[in-house]
Structures are given as C-alpha cells and as structure tokens.
Protein backbone atom coordinates (compact mmCIF):
# COMPACT_ATOMS: atom_id res chain seq x y z
CA MET A 1 77.05 3.35 28.80
CA MET A 2 74.74 0.36 28.45
CA ALA A 3 71.27 0.38 30.01
CA PRO A 4 70.74 -2.05 32.90
CA THR A 5 69.07 -5.38 31.99
CA PRO A 6 65.52 -5.58 33.31
CA VAL A 7 65.02 -7.97 36.22
CA ALA A 8 62.34 -10.67 35.88
CA ALA A 9 59.84 -10.97 38.72
CA LYS A 10 56.81 -13.27 39.29
CA GLU A 11 53.42 -11.97 40.31
CA GLY A 12 50.21 -14.09 40.59
CA GLY A 13 51.21 -16.80 38.13
CA MET A 14 52.57 -14.29 35.58
CA THR A 15 56.12 -13.24 34.79
CA ARG A 16 56.77 -9.60 34.23
CA LEU A 17 59.95 -7.79 33.38
CA ALA A 18 61.02 -5.05 35.72
CA GLY A 19 60.71 -1.69 34.14
CA ARG A 20 57.70 -2.67 31.96
CA LYS A 21 54.22 -1.47 32.81
CA LYS A 22 52.19 -4.37 31.23
CA PRO A 23 52.72 -8.03 32.15
CA ILE A 24 53.56 -10.58 29.46
CA MET A 25 51.41 -13.80 29.68
CA LEU A 26 53.66 -16.85 29.49
CA PHE A 27 50.80 -19.39 29.78
CA ARG A 28 47.03 -19.30 29.08
CA ALA A 29 44.45 -19.11 31.80
CA LYS A 30 41.73 -21.77 32.14
CA GLN A 31 39.10 -21.82 29.35
CA PRO A 32 35.95 -19.85 30.09
CA GLU A 33 32.73 -21.82 30.54
CA ARG A 34 31.28 -20.38 27.35
CA VAL A 35 34.07 -22.03 25.34
CA LYS A 36 33.19 -25.40 26.87
CA MET A 37 29.54 -24.84 26.03
CA LYS A 38 30.47 -24.09 22.42
CA LYS A 39 32.34 -27.39 22.25
CA TYR A 40 29.35 -29.30 23.66
CA ALA A 41 27.02 -27.59 21.17
CA LEU A 42 29.37 -28.47 18.32
CA ALA A 43 29.43 -32.10 19.46
CA LEU A 44 25.62 -32.20 19.49
CA ILE A 45 25.45 -30.68 16.00
CA LEU A 46 27.94 -33.22 14.69
CA ALA A 47 25.97 -36.04 16.31
CA SER A 48 22.79 -34.75 14.67
CA PHE A 49 24.46 -34.66 11.27
CA ALA A 50 25.71 -38.18 11.85
CA GLY A 51 22.13 -39.31 12.53
CA MET A 52 20.93 -37.51 9.39
CA ALA A 53 23.67 -39.19 7.41
CA PHE A 54 22.29 -42.58 8.48
CA ALA A 55 18.60 -41.72 8.21
CA GLN A 56 16.94 -43.10 5.12
CA PHE A 57 13.53 -43.31 3.51
CA SER A 58 11.91 -46.40 2.05
CA LEU A 59 8.56 -46.90 0.34
CA ASP A 60 6.38 -50.02 0.25
CA LEU A 61 3.88 -50.25 -2.61
CA GLU A 62 1.43 -53.16 -2.43
CA THR A 63 -1.39 -54.40 -4.63
CA GLY A 64 -3.27 -57.59 -5.36
CA LEU A 65 -6.69 -59.19 -4.97
CA ALA A 66 -8.92 -58.67 -1.91
CA PHE A 67 -11.97 -60.73 -0.97
CA PHE A 68 -14.20 -61.02 2.10
CA GLY A 69 -14.25 -63.91 4.51
CA TYR A 70 -17.29 -62.36 6.19
CA ASN A 71 -18.83 -58.92 6.58
CA ASP A 72 -21.70 -58.54 9.07
CA MET A 73 -23.46 -55.46 10.40
CA ARG A 74 -26.38 -54.35 12.58
CA ILE A 75 -26.95 -50.59 12.90
CA PRO A 76 -28.21 -49.62 15.41
CA ASN A 77 -27.06 -52.54 17.54
CA LEU A 78 -30.46 -53.51 18.98
CA GLU A 79 -31.47 -57.02 19.95
CA SER A 80 -34.77 -56.47 18.15
CA GLY A 81 -32.87 -55.95 14.91
CA ARG A 82 -31.09 -58.56 12.86
CA ILE A 83 -27.56 -58.87 11.50
CA LEU A 84 -27.20 -58.43 7.74
CA SER A 85 -24.42 -60.43 6.09
CA PHE A 86 -22.91 -58.71 3.08
CA THR A 87 -21.26 -62.01 2.10
CA ASP A 88 -24.04 -64.57 2.70
CA GLU A 89 -27.10 -62.55 1.62
CA LEU A 90 -25.52 -60.10 -0.83
CA GLU A 91 -22.79 -60.57 -3.41
CA SER A 92 -19.40 -59.05 -2.55
CA LYS A 93 -17.07 -59.51 -5.50
CA PRO A 94 -13.28 -59.78 -5.15
CA LYS A 95 -11.52 -56.58 -6.14
CA MET A 96 -8.08 -55.11 -6.69
CA PHE A 97 -6.56 -53.03 -3.91
CA GLY A 98 -3.61 -50.73 -3.35
CA ARG A 99 -1.76 -49.46 -0.31
CA ALA A 100 1.38 -47.40 0.34
CA ASN A 101 3.66 -47.30 3.39
CA LEU A 102 6.40 -44.65 3.76
CA HIS A 103 9.17 -45.48 6.27
CA TYR A 104 11.74 -43.14 7.80
CA GLN A 105 14.54 -44.91 9.65
CA ILE A 106 16.04 -42.29 11.93
CA THR A 107 18.79 -44.54 13.33
CA PRO A 108 19.46 -48.29 13.12
CA ARG A 109 17.10 -48.72 16.10
CA HIS A 110 14.33 -46.16 15.58
CA GLU A 111 11.83 -46.02 12.72
CA ILE A 112 8.58 -44.22 12.00
CA SER A 113 6.16 -44.87 9.14
CA LEU A 114 2.95 -43.60 7.55
CA LEU A 115 0.42 -45.95 5.93
CA ALA A 116 -2.45 -45.20 3.55
CA SER A 117 -4.75 -48.16 2.86
CA PRO A 118 -8.04 -47.23 1.17
CA PHE A 119 -10.68 -49.89 0.53
CA THR A 120 -14.25 -49.78 -0.81
CA SER A 121 -16.59 -52.63 -1.70
CA GLU A 122 -20.07 -52.43 -3.28
CA PRO A 123 -22.15 -55.47 -2.35
CA SER A 124 -25.61 -55.92 -3.84
CA GLY A 125 -28.44 -58.41 -3.81
CA GLU A 126 -31.78 -59.36 -2.23
CA PRO A 127 -31.75 -59.85 1.55
CA SER A 128 -33.57 -62.93 2.84
CA ALA A 129 -35.48 -60.88 5.45
CA ALA A 130 -36.24 -57.22 6.18
CA VAL A 131 -33.36 -55.13 7.53
CA GLU A 132 -33.58 -52.18 9.94
CA PHE A 133 -30.85 -49.66 9.17
CA MET A 134 -30.54 -46.10 10.46
CA GLY A 135 -34.27 -45.80 11.16
CA ARG A 136 -35.42 -47.22 7.83
CA THR A 137 -36.74 -50.64 6.87
CA TYR A 138 -35.32 -52.34 3.81
CA ALA A 139 -37.79 -55.00 2.72
CA ALA A 140 -36.97 -58.63 2.05
CA ARG A 141 -36.58 -59.79 -1.55
CA GLU A 142 -36.03 -56.24 -2.79
CA TRP A 143 -32.72 -55.46 -4.44
CA ILE A 144 -30.28 -53.54 -2.24
CA TYR A 145 -27.23 -51.60 -3.34
CA ALA A 146 -24.71 -51.30 -0.50
CA VAL A 147 -21.38 -49.55 -0.01
CA TYR A 148 -18.78 -50.69 2.51
CA LYS A 149 -15.86 -48.26 2.84
CA PHE A 150 -12.99 -48.84 5.24
CA ASN A 151 -10.06 -46.48 4.69
CA SER A 152 -7.19 -46.92 7.12
CA TYR A 153 -4.37 -44.45 7.83
CA ARG A 154 -1.66 -45.24 10.36
CA LEU A 155 1.29 -43.60 12.09
CA GLN A 156 3.68 -46.18 13.51
CA TYR A 157 6.83 -46.16 15.63
CA LEU A 158 9.07 -49.26 15.67
CA TYR A 159 12.09 -50.09 17.79
CA ARG A 160 14.36 -52.40 15.83
CA PHE A 161 16.45 -55.03 17.60
CA GLU A 162 19.84 -56.24 16.46
CA LYS A 163 19.16 -58.38 13.41
CA GLN A 164 19.55 -62.13 13.80
CA ASN A 165 19.02 -64.98 11.36
CA ILE A 166 15.66 -65.74 12.97
CA GLY A 167 13.65 -63.93 15.62
CA ILE A 168 11.76 -60.78 16.57
CA ARG A 169 13.05 -57.92 14.45
CA ALA A 170 10.97 -55.03 15.82
CA LEU A 171 8.24 -54.00 18.28
CA GLY A 172 6.28 -50.76 18.39
CA VAL A 173 3.01 -48.87 18.64
CA SER A 174 0.62 -47.39 16.08
CA LEU A 175 -2.21 -44.90 15.90
CA LYS A 176 -4.82 -46.00 13.37
CA VAL A 177 -7.26 -43.49 11.90
CA ARG A 178 -10.40 -45.29 10.75
CA ASP A 179 -12.49 -43.61 8.05
CA ALA A 180 -15.51 -45.90 7.57
CA LEU A 181 -18.88 -45.75 5.84
CA ILE A 182 -21.76 -48.20 5.35
CA SER A 183 -24.73 -47.30 3.15
CA LEU A 184 -27.86 -49.05 1.88
CA GLU A 185 -30.15 -48.05 -0.97
CA ASN A 186 -33.23 -49.47 -2.67
CA LYS A 187 -36.28 -48.09 -4.44
CA SER A 188 -38.68 -48.30 -1.49
CA ALA A 189 -36.56 -47.00 1.41
CA GLY A 190 -34.14 -44.82 -0.54
CA TYR A 191 -30.56 -44.07 0.51
CA THR A 192 -29.11 -43.77 4.00
CA GLU A 193 -25.63 -44.13 5.44
CA LYS A 194 -23.63 -44.46 8.64
CA THR A 195 -20.17 -42.89 8.84
CA ASP A 196 -17.47 -43.28 11.46
CA LEU A 197 -14.15 -41.51 12.00
CA GLY A 198 -12.07 -42.68 14.92
CA VAL A 199 -8.57 -43.32 16.26
CA VAL A 200 -7.47 -46.74 17.53
CA PRO A 201 -4.13 -47.65 19.20
CA LEU A 202 -2.39 -50.83 18.02
CA ILE A 203 0.67 -52.89 18.93
CA GLY A 204 3.12 -53.49 16.07
CA PHE A 205 5.55 -56.37 15.61
CA GLU A 206 7.90 -57.85 13.01
CA PHE A 207 9.36 -61.36 12.87
CA GLY A 208 11.92 -62.47 10.30
CA TYR A 209 13.67 -65.63 9.17
CA ASP A 210 16.53 -65.37 6.67
CA LEU A 211 16.42 -68.34 4.31
CA SER A 212 19.45 -67.04 2.36
CA GLU A 213 21.27 -63.76 1.76
CA GLU A 214 18.54 -62.64 -0.66
CA LEU A 215 15.43 -64.52 0.51
CA ALA A 216 13.59 -64.11 3.84
CA LEU A 217 10.30 -65.06 5.45
CA LEU A 218 8.52 -62.10 7.02
CA LEU A 219 5.66 -62.02 9.52
CA LYS A 220 4.59 -58.52 10.50
CA GLY A 221 1.47 -56.77 11.64
CA GLU A 222 -0.50 -54.66 14.08
CA ALA A 223 -3.24 -55.81 16.43
CA LEU A 224 -5.17 -55.02 19.61
CA ALA A 225 -8.41 -56.17 21.24
CA SER A 226 -10.77 -54.77 23.89
CA PRO A 227 -14.25 -55.64 25.23
CA TYR A 228 -15.70 -53.24 22.62
CA GLY A 229 -13.91 -54.46 19.53
CA ARG A 230 -10.67 -55.55 17.92
CA ALA A 231 -8.40 -54.91 14.94
CA GLU A 232 -5.74 -57.04 13.26
CA ASP A 233 -3.68 -56.45 10.12
CA ILE A 234 -1.10 -59.22 9.62
CA LEU A 235 1.10 -60.05 6.62
CA LEU A 236 2.96 -63.32 5.97
CA ALA A 237 5.27 -62.95 2.96
CA LEU A 238 8.40 -64.08 1.18
CA VAL A 239 10.79 -61.19 0.54
CA TYR A 240 13.46 -61.24 -2.17
CA ASP A 241 16.20 -58.59 -2.08
CA LEU A 242 17.14 -57.72 -5.66
CA ASN A 243 20.10 -55.38 -5.13
CA GLY A 244 19.84 -53.55 -1.79
CA THR A 245 17.75 -50.78 -3.32
CA TYR A 246 14.79 -52.77 -4.60
CA SER A 247 13.10 -55.82 -3.10
CA LEU A 248 9.96 -57.76 -3.98
CA TYR A 249 7.53 -59.57 -1.71
CA ALA A 250 4.51 -61.81 -2.16
CA GLY A 251 2.19 -63.25 0.45
CA TYR A 252 -1.11 -63.28 2.28
CA ARG A 253 -2.52 -60.42 4.35
CA PHE A 254 -5.22 -61.00 6.97
CA LEU A 255 -7.30 -58.01 8.03
CA GLU A 256 -10.07 -58.48 10.59
CA GLY A 257 -11.92 -56.49 13.20
CA GLY A 258 -14.91 -54.43 14.14
CA SER A 259 -16.95 -52.91 16.94
CA ASP A 260 -19.69 -54.23 19.20
CA ILE A 261 -21.14 -51.21 20.99
CA GLU A 262 -24.63 -49.78 21.52
CA GLU A 263 -24.50 -47.70 18.37
CA VAL A 264 -23.14 -50.27 15.92
CA TYR A 265 -22.30 -53.93 15.45
CA THR A 266 -19.97 -54.45 12.52
CA PHE A 267 -17.28 -57.09 11.98
CA ALA A 268 -15.45 -57.97 8.78
CA ASN A 269 -12.61 -60.14 7.57
CA ILE A 270 -10.81 -59.15 4.36
CA ASN A 271 -8.24 -61.51 2.82
CA TYR A 272 -5.51 -60.09 0.57
CA LEU A 273 -3.37 -61.93 -1.96
CA SER A 274 -0.54 -59.43 -1.97
CA LEU A 275 2.31 -58.52 -4.28
CA GLY A 276 4.56 -55.62 -3.36
CA THR A 277 7.88 -53.88 -3.69
CA ARG A 278 10.10 -51.89 -1.35
CA ILE A 279 12.28 -49.05 -2.63
CA ASN A 280 15.13 -47.75 -0.46
CA PHE A 281 16.11 -44.16 -1.17
C-alpha cells in the first residue's frame, strides 16, 4: 500500500510539506544590513584604487643664471640707521641656481607639490658710509664680506580646471617656509649674523596658452602682500612637450619680496634666466 502524498501548506511566506518537521525556503529573505555595508565598503575601495590608478608623480628640475635687481637691508630697522644696498655699494655677482619641484596629481582636479629652492649669494665690497648691523658698526671704506641666504621650501595645493586652449588652468594655496640669513664680516667689527625661519601663506595660480599641440606659453606663480611685507615668485616660460613623458621649458622667473617690521627691513629682487625639464612618471 502506497504512503499518502504529503500536503503542501503555506506559513509566514514559506511553503512547507505536511509531515516534515523543517520548512523548505523557496525564496530568500531580504539582505541583512551588514551585507549592504560590505557592498558600500567594496565600492569605496574600488573608487580608491581607481584614484590611485590615475594618480601620477612628476618632477620639475630647473637651473640657470640668477642675478639681483636690488637687495637692501637695515637690521635693526631703526630710523637712525641707514639702509645698506648689496647691489649698489657691494658687488653681487650673477650665479648659477637649482631648484626642484615634486608634483603628485591625485585626480585630474587635485594636485599637491613640494618645492625646494635654495639660494645663497656672497656680496663684498667697501660701503660708502658706516653701517649699523646687529649692534656692531661696520666702518666706511673698509672691505666687507657679506652672505645673503634665502632658502625657500613650499607645500602647495592646486585645483585644476578643465583645460582649455587659453585661460586659467589652476588656482591654489601654498605654505612657504623661509630659511634666511644675512651676515657681515670685516677685520674691525668681526662677524655677526641675523637668521630668520618663518612660514608665509601664498596664493598660487597657473595660466596657459596652447600655441600648438607641443608648444605652450605658461605663466605661473605664487604671491601675497600685507602691510608688513610681500612675496612673489612668478615664471613666464615656453614649454615644449617632447613625448608626453618629458618636456622642456625656458623662460624668466621673477622673485621679489621682503619684510618691513621693527626688527628688520630687508627687500630683494632676484631675476632668473631659467631652463628646466619636467618628467612624468
């Protein structure tokens, strides 16, 4: 005699067969929240890897000839003292320079960079009148050996706009670390120096004009002014793209600025005839 066929019955969205103790699931319940969270986390990880896949490094290496337009100082900045010109009263010879700028483009819109730009000049000569410097008097017509050091290190963030044939390419902000030193030395007064280490905010910009697929005119720089001083570092250059990995540029860089506060008065203009290359990694 054949056994009776079990009768199907529905209970709470599940179908069970009569005579069986455990229900058989004929469809899946809604996904738990933790599964959704795992999917969101996976999407974020994939997005991060996509950003890393775009991100790229590039390196600017620049050299050339640097010479002063002017270089004046009065330390301390007292009205009873006088301003010494390193260019008019002493001899400041042109010199070679070097600077390096490492860029990290996180996405097509966001870029950060680190700049190292050391510079030291050694003027010398006979001042036309006595100079008060750091509590000592350097007599007129006595040979002075001077050192003017202005090392600049910068961290910059740029937001890049959609590239057009001509127009503003990027805007951003920078933090400039200024490592400066001025010293004087002669036989009578001996050696003394004034050092300064400070941080200055700057506004960055970049303007471009594509003359052809390979050749472009570039105007870029950083600048800011206040009642106590100013700083500008601006480059005008022609850029030639060799193959997408290497490019060359040549132009003129204008660096100017200084401070006018109770402790110091110092302003300088350095002109650079620049030749550089960019390497995209």
